[in-house]
Amino acid sequence: YEHTEPVVKMFLERGMLIEINGEQTPEKIAEDIRKVLFLE
């Protein structure tokens, strides 16, 4: 955690990281990923 948290923070600040709720159905997760990647 102490090594990954600064990297996650950096990517979030640079707009290079997205967050997707992983507690959804696989279909909904895939849909959210496609939306973020502008595939839908």
PDB file of N, CA and C in Angstrom:
ATOM      1  N   TYR A   1       0.822  -1.192   0.000  1.00  0.00           N
ATOM      2  CA  TYR A   1       0.000   0.000   0.000  1.00  0.00           C
ATOM      3  C   TYR A   1       0.862   1.249   0.000  1.00  0.00           C
ATOM      4  N   GLU A   2       1.887   1.276   0.808  1.00  0.00           N
ATOM      5  CA  GLU A   2       2.713   2.488   0.908  1.00  0.00           C
ATOM      6  C   GLU A   2       3.444   2.792  -0.398  1.00  0.00           C
ATOM      7  N   HIS A   3       3.644   1.772  -1.218  1.00  0.00           N
ATOM      8  CA  HIS A   3       4.318   1.991  -2.501  1.00  0.00           C
ATOM      9  C   HIS A   3       3.330   2.307  -3.623  1.00  0.00           C
ATOM     10  N   THR A   4       2.148   1.725  -3.550  1.00  0.00           N
ATOM     11  CA  THR A   4       1.187   1.918  -4.636  1.00  0.00           C
ATOM     12  C   THR A   4       0.355   3.183  -4.482  1.00  0.00           C
ATOM     13  N   GLU A   5       0.047   3.586  -3.277  1.00  0.00           N
ATOM     14  CA  GLU A   5      -0.815   4.754  -3.070  1.00  0.00           C
ATOM     15  C   GLU A   5      -0.260   6.024  -3.710  1.00  0.00           C
ATOM     16  N   PRO A   6       1.032   6.335  -3.584  1.00  0.00           N
ATOM     17  CA  PRO A   6       1.546   7.535  -4.260  1.00  0.00           C
ATOM     18  C   PRO A   6       1.416   7.457  -5.782  1.00  0.00           C
ATOM     19  N   VAL A   7       1.569   6.268  -6.336  1.00  0.00           N
ATOM     20  CA  VAL A   7       1.445   6.103  -7.787  1.00  0.00           C
ATOM     21  C   VAL A   7      -0.007   6.310  -8.207  1.00  0.00           C
ATOM     22  N   VAL A   8      -0.936   5.736  -7.463  1.00  0.00           N
ATOM     23  CA  VAL A   8      -2.360   5.914  -7.754  1.00  0.00           C
ATOM     24  C   VAL A   8      -2.718   7.389  -7.678  1.00  0.00           C
ATOM     25  N   LYS A   9      -2.258   8.067  -6.650  1.00  0.00           N
ATOM     26  CA  LYS A   9      -2.544   9.496  -6.484  1.00  0.00           C
ATOM     27  C   LYS A   9      -2.002  10.299  -7.672  1.00  0.00           C
ATOM     28  N   MET A  10      -0.788  10.005  -8.087  1.00  0.00           N
ATOM     29  CA  MET A  10      -0.178  10.718  -9.208  1.00  0.00           C
ATOM     30  C   MET A  10      -1.008  10.543 -10.482  1.00  0.00           C
ATOM     31  N   PHE A  11      -1.402   9.299 -10.782  1.00  0.00           N
ATOM     32  CA  PHE A  11      -2.195   9.053 -11.986  1.00  0.00           C
ATOM     33  C   PHE A  11      -3.562   9.718 -11.903  1.00  0.00           C
ATOM     34  N   LEU A  12      -4.184   9.725 -10.726  1.00  0.00           N
ATOM     35  CA  LEU A  12      -5.470  10.406 -10.566  1.00  0.00           C
ATOM     36  C   LEU A  12      -5.321  11.900 -10.821  1.00  0.00           C
ATOM     37  N   GLU A  13      -4.291  12.505 -10.250  1.00  0.00           N
ATOM     38  CA  GLU A  13      -4.058  13.939 -10.416  1.00  0.00           C
ATOM     39  C   GLU A  13      -3.810  14.308 -11.876  1.00  0.00           C
ATOM     40  N   ARG A  14      -3.210  13.414 -12.626  1.00  0.00           N
ATOM     41  CA  ARG A  14      -2.904  13.676 -14.039  1.00  0.00           C
ATOM     42  C   ARG A  14      -4.046  13.277 -14.974  1.00  0.00           C
ATOM     43  N   GLY A  15      -5.126  12.778 -14.392  1.00  0.00           N
ATOM     44  CA  GLY A  15      -6.262  12.370 -15.208  1.00  0.00           C
ATOM     45  C   GLY A  15      -5.998  11.129 -16.032  1.00  0.00           C
ATOM     46  N   MET A  16      -5.089  10.300 -15.563  1.00  0.00           N
ATOM     47  CA  MET A  16      -4.687   9.113 -16.316  1.00  0.00           C
ATOM     48  C   MET A  16      -5.212   7.818 -15.696  1.00  0.00           C
ATOM     49  N   LEU A  17      -6.122   7.945 -14.731  1.00  0.00           N
ATOM     50  CA  LEU A  17      -6.645   6.765 -14.049  1.00  0.00           C
ATOM     51  C   LEU A  17      -8.141   6.926 -13.905  1.00  0.00           C
ATOM     52  N   ILE A  18      -8.854   5.884 -14.174  1.00  0.00           N
ATOM     53  CA  ILE A  18     -10.294   5.914 -13.984  1.00  0.00           C
ATOM     54  C   ILE A  18     -10.659   4.945 -12.872  1.00  0.00           C
ATOM     55  N   GLU A  19     -11.789   5.175 -12.265  1.00  0.00           N
ATOM     56  CA  GLU A  19     -12.277   4.276 -11.232  1.00  0.00           C
ATOM     57  C   GLU A  19     -13.598   3.690 -11.696  1.00  0.00           C
ATOM     58  N   ILE A  20     -13.713   2.391 -11.582  1.00  0.00           N
ATOM     59  CA  ILE A  20     -14.933   1.684 -11.953  1.00  0.00           C
ATOM     60  C   ILE A  20     -15.325   0.794 -10.787  1.00  0.00           C
ATOM     61  N   ASN A  21     -16.610   0.808 -10.480  1.00  0.00           N
ATOM     62  CA  ASN A  21     -17.131  -0.003  -9.387  1.00  0.00           C
ATOM     63  C   ASN A  21     -17.025  -1.480  -9.755  1.00  0.00           C
ATOM     64  N   GLY A  22     -16.165  -2.193  -9.072  1.00  0.00           N
ATOM     65  CA  GLY A  22     -15.956  -3.607  -9.342  1.00  0.00           C
ATOM     66  C   GLY A  22     -16.966  -4.514  -8.676  1.00  0.00           C
ATOM     67  N   GLU A  23     -17.935  -3.933  -7.966  1.00  0.00           N
ATOM     68  CA  GLU A  23     -18.956  -4.739  -7.301  1.00  0.00           C
ATOM     69  C   GLU A  23     -20.214  -4.881  -8.153  1.00  0.00           C
ATOM     70  N   GLN A  24     -20.131  -4.451  -9.398  1.00  0.00           N
ATOM     71  CA  GLN A  24     -21.252  -4.570 -10.325  1.00  0.00           C
ATOM     72  C   GLN A  24     -21.162  -5.907 -11.053  1.00  0.00           C
ATOM     73  N   THR A  25     -22.162  -6.177 -11.872  1.00  0.00           N
ATOM     74  CA  THR A  25     -22.110  -7.396 -12.686  1.00  0.00           C
ATOM     75  C   THR A  25     -20.979  -7.259 -13.710  1.00  0.00           C
ATOM     76  N   PRO A  26     -20.445  -8.375 -14.174  1.00  0.00           N
ATOM     77  CA  PRO A  26     -19.395  -8.295 -15.201  1.00  0.00           C
ATOM     78  C   PRO A  26     -19.851  -7.516 -16.434  1.00  0.00           C
ATOM     79  N   GLU A  27     -21.108  -7.667 -16.800  1.00  0.00           N
ATOM     80  CA  GLU A  27     -21.635  -6.951 -17.964  1.00  0.00           C
ATOM     81  C   GLU A  27     -21.604  -5.441 -17.749  1.00  0.00           C
ATOM     82  N   LYS A  28     -22.003  -4.997 -16.554  1.00  0.00           N
ATOM     83  CA  LYS A  28     -22.019  -3.565 -16.246  1.00  0.00           C
ATOM     84  C   LYS A  28     -20.593  -3.024 -16.173  1.00  0.00           C
ATOM     85  N   ILE A  29     -19.674  -3.788 -15.616  1.00  0.00           N
ATOM     86  CA  ILE A  29     -18.271  -3.367 -15.562  1.00  0.00           C
ATOM     87  C   ILE A  29     -17.739  -3.186 -16.979  1.00  0.00           C
ATOM     88  N   ALA A  30     -18.012  -4.159 -17.849  1.00  0.00           N
ATOM     89  CA  ALA A  30     -17.558  -4.066 -19.244  1.00  0.00           C
ATOM     90  C   ALA A  30     -18.174  -2.851 -19.924  1.00  0.00           C
ATOM     91  N   GLU A  31     -19.448  -2.588 -19.663  1.00  0.00           N
ATOM     92  CA  GLU A  31     -20.117  -1.418 -20.246  1.00  0.00           C
ATOM     93  C   GLU A  31     -19.444  -0.128 -19.786  1.00  0.00           C
ATOM     94  N   ASP A  32     -19.141  -0.044 -18.489  1.00  0.00           N
ATOM     95  CA  ASP A  32     -18.482   1.151 -17.954  1.00  0.00           C
ATOM     96  C   ASP A  32     -17.103   1.353 -18.579  1.00  0.00           C
ATOM     97  N   ILE A  33     -16.374   0.267 -18.766  1.00  0.00           N
ATOM     98  CA  ILE A  33     -15.048   0.362 -19.388  1.00  0.00           C
ATOM     99  C   ILE A  33     -15.179   0.856 -20.828  1.00  0.00           C
ATOM    100  N   ARG A  34     -16.132   0.297 -21.561  1.00  0.00           N
ATOM    101  CA  ARG A  34     -16.345   0.740 -22.950  1.00  0.00           C
ATOM    102  C   ARG A  34     -16.695   2.220 -23.008  1.00  0.00           C
ATOM    103  N   LYS A  35     -17.520   2.678 -22.081  1.00  0.00           N
ATOM    104  CA  LYS A  35     -17.899   4.096 -22.056  1.00  0.00           C
ATOM    105  C   LYS A  35     -16.678   4.977 -21.829  1.00  0.00           C
ATOM    106  N   VAL A  36     -15.823   4.586 -20.904  1.00  0.00           N
ATOM    107  CA  VAL A  36     -14.632   5.377 -20.606  1.00  0.00           C
ATOM    108  C   VAL A  36     -13.685   5.400 -21.799  1.00  0.00           C
ATOM    109  N   LEU A  37     -13.618   4.298 -22.512  1.00  0.00           N
ATOM    110  CA  LEU A  37     -12.736   4.206 -23.677  1.00  0.00           C
ATOM    111  C   LEU A  37     -13.404   4.725 -24.947  1.00  0.00           C
ATOM    112  N   PHE A  38     -14.605   5.273 -24.809  1.00  0.00           N
ATOM    113  CA  PHE A  38     -15.364   5.831 -25.935  1.00  0.00           C
ATOM    114  C   PHE A  38     -15.657   4.794 -27.010  1.00  0.00           C
ATOM    115  N   LEU A  39     -15.896   3.573 -26.591  1.00  0.00           N
ATOM    116  CA  LEU A  39     -16.222   2.519 -27.542  1.00  0.00           C
ATOM    117  C   LEU A  39     -17.729   2.356 -27.697  1.00  0.00           C
ATOM    118  N   GLU A  40     -18.494   3.079 -26.905  1.00  0.00           N
ATOM    119  CA  GLU A  40     -19.955   3.025 -26.997  1.00  0.00           C
ATOM    120  C   GLU A  40     -20.493   4.382 -27.299  1.00  0.00           C
TER     121      GLU A  40
END
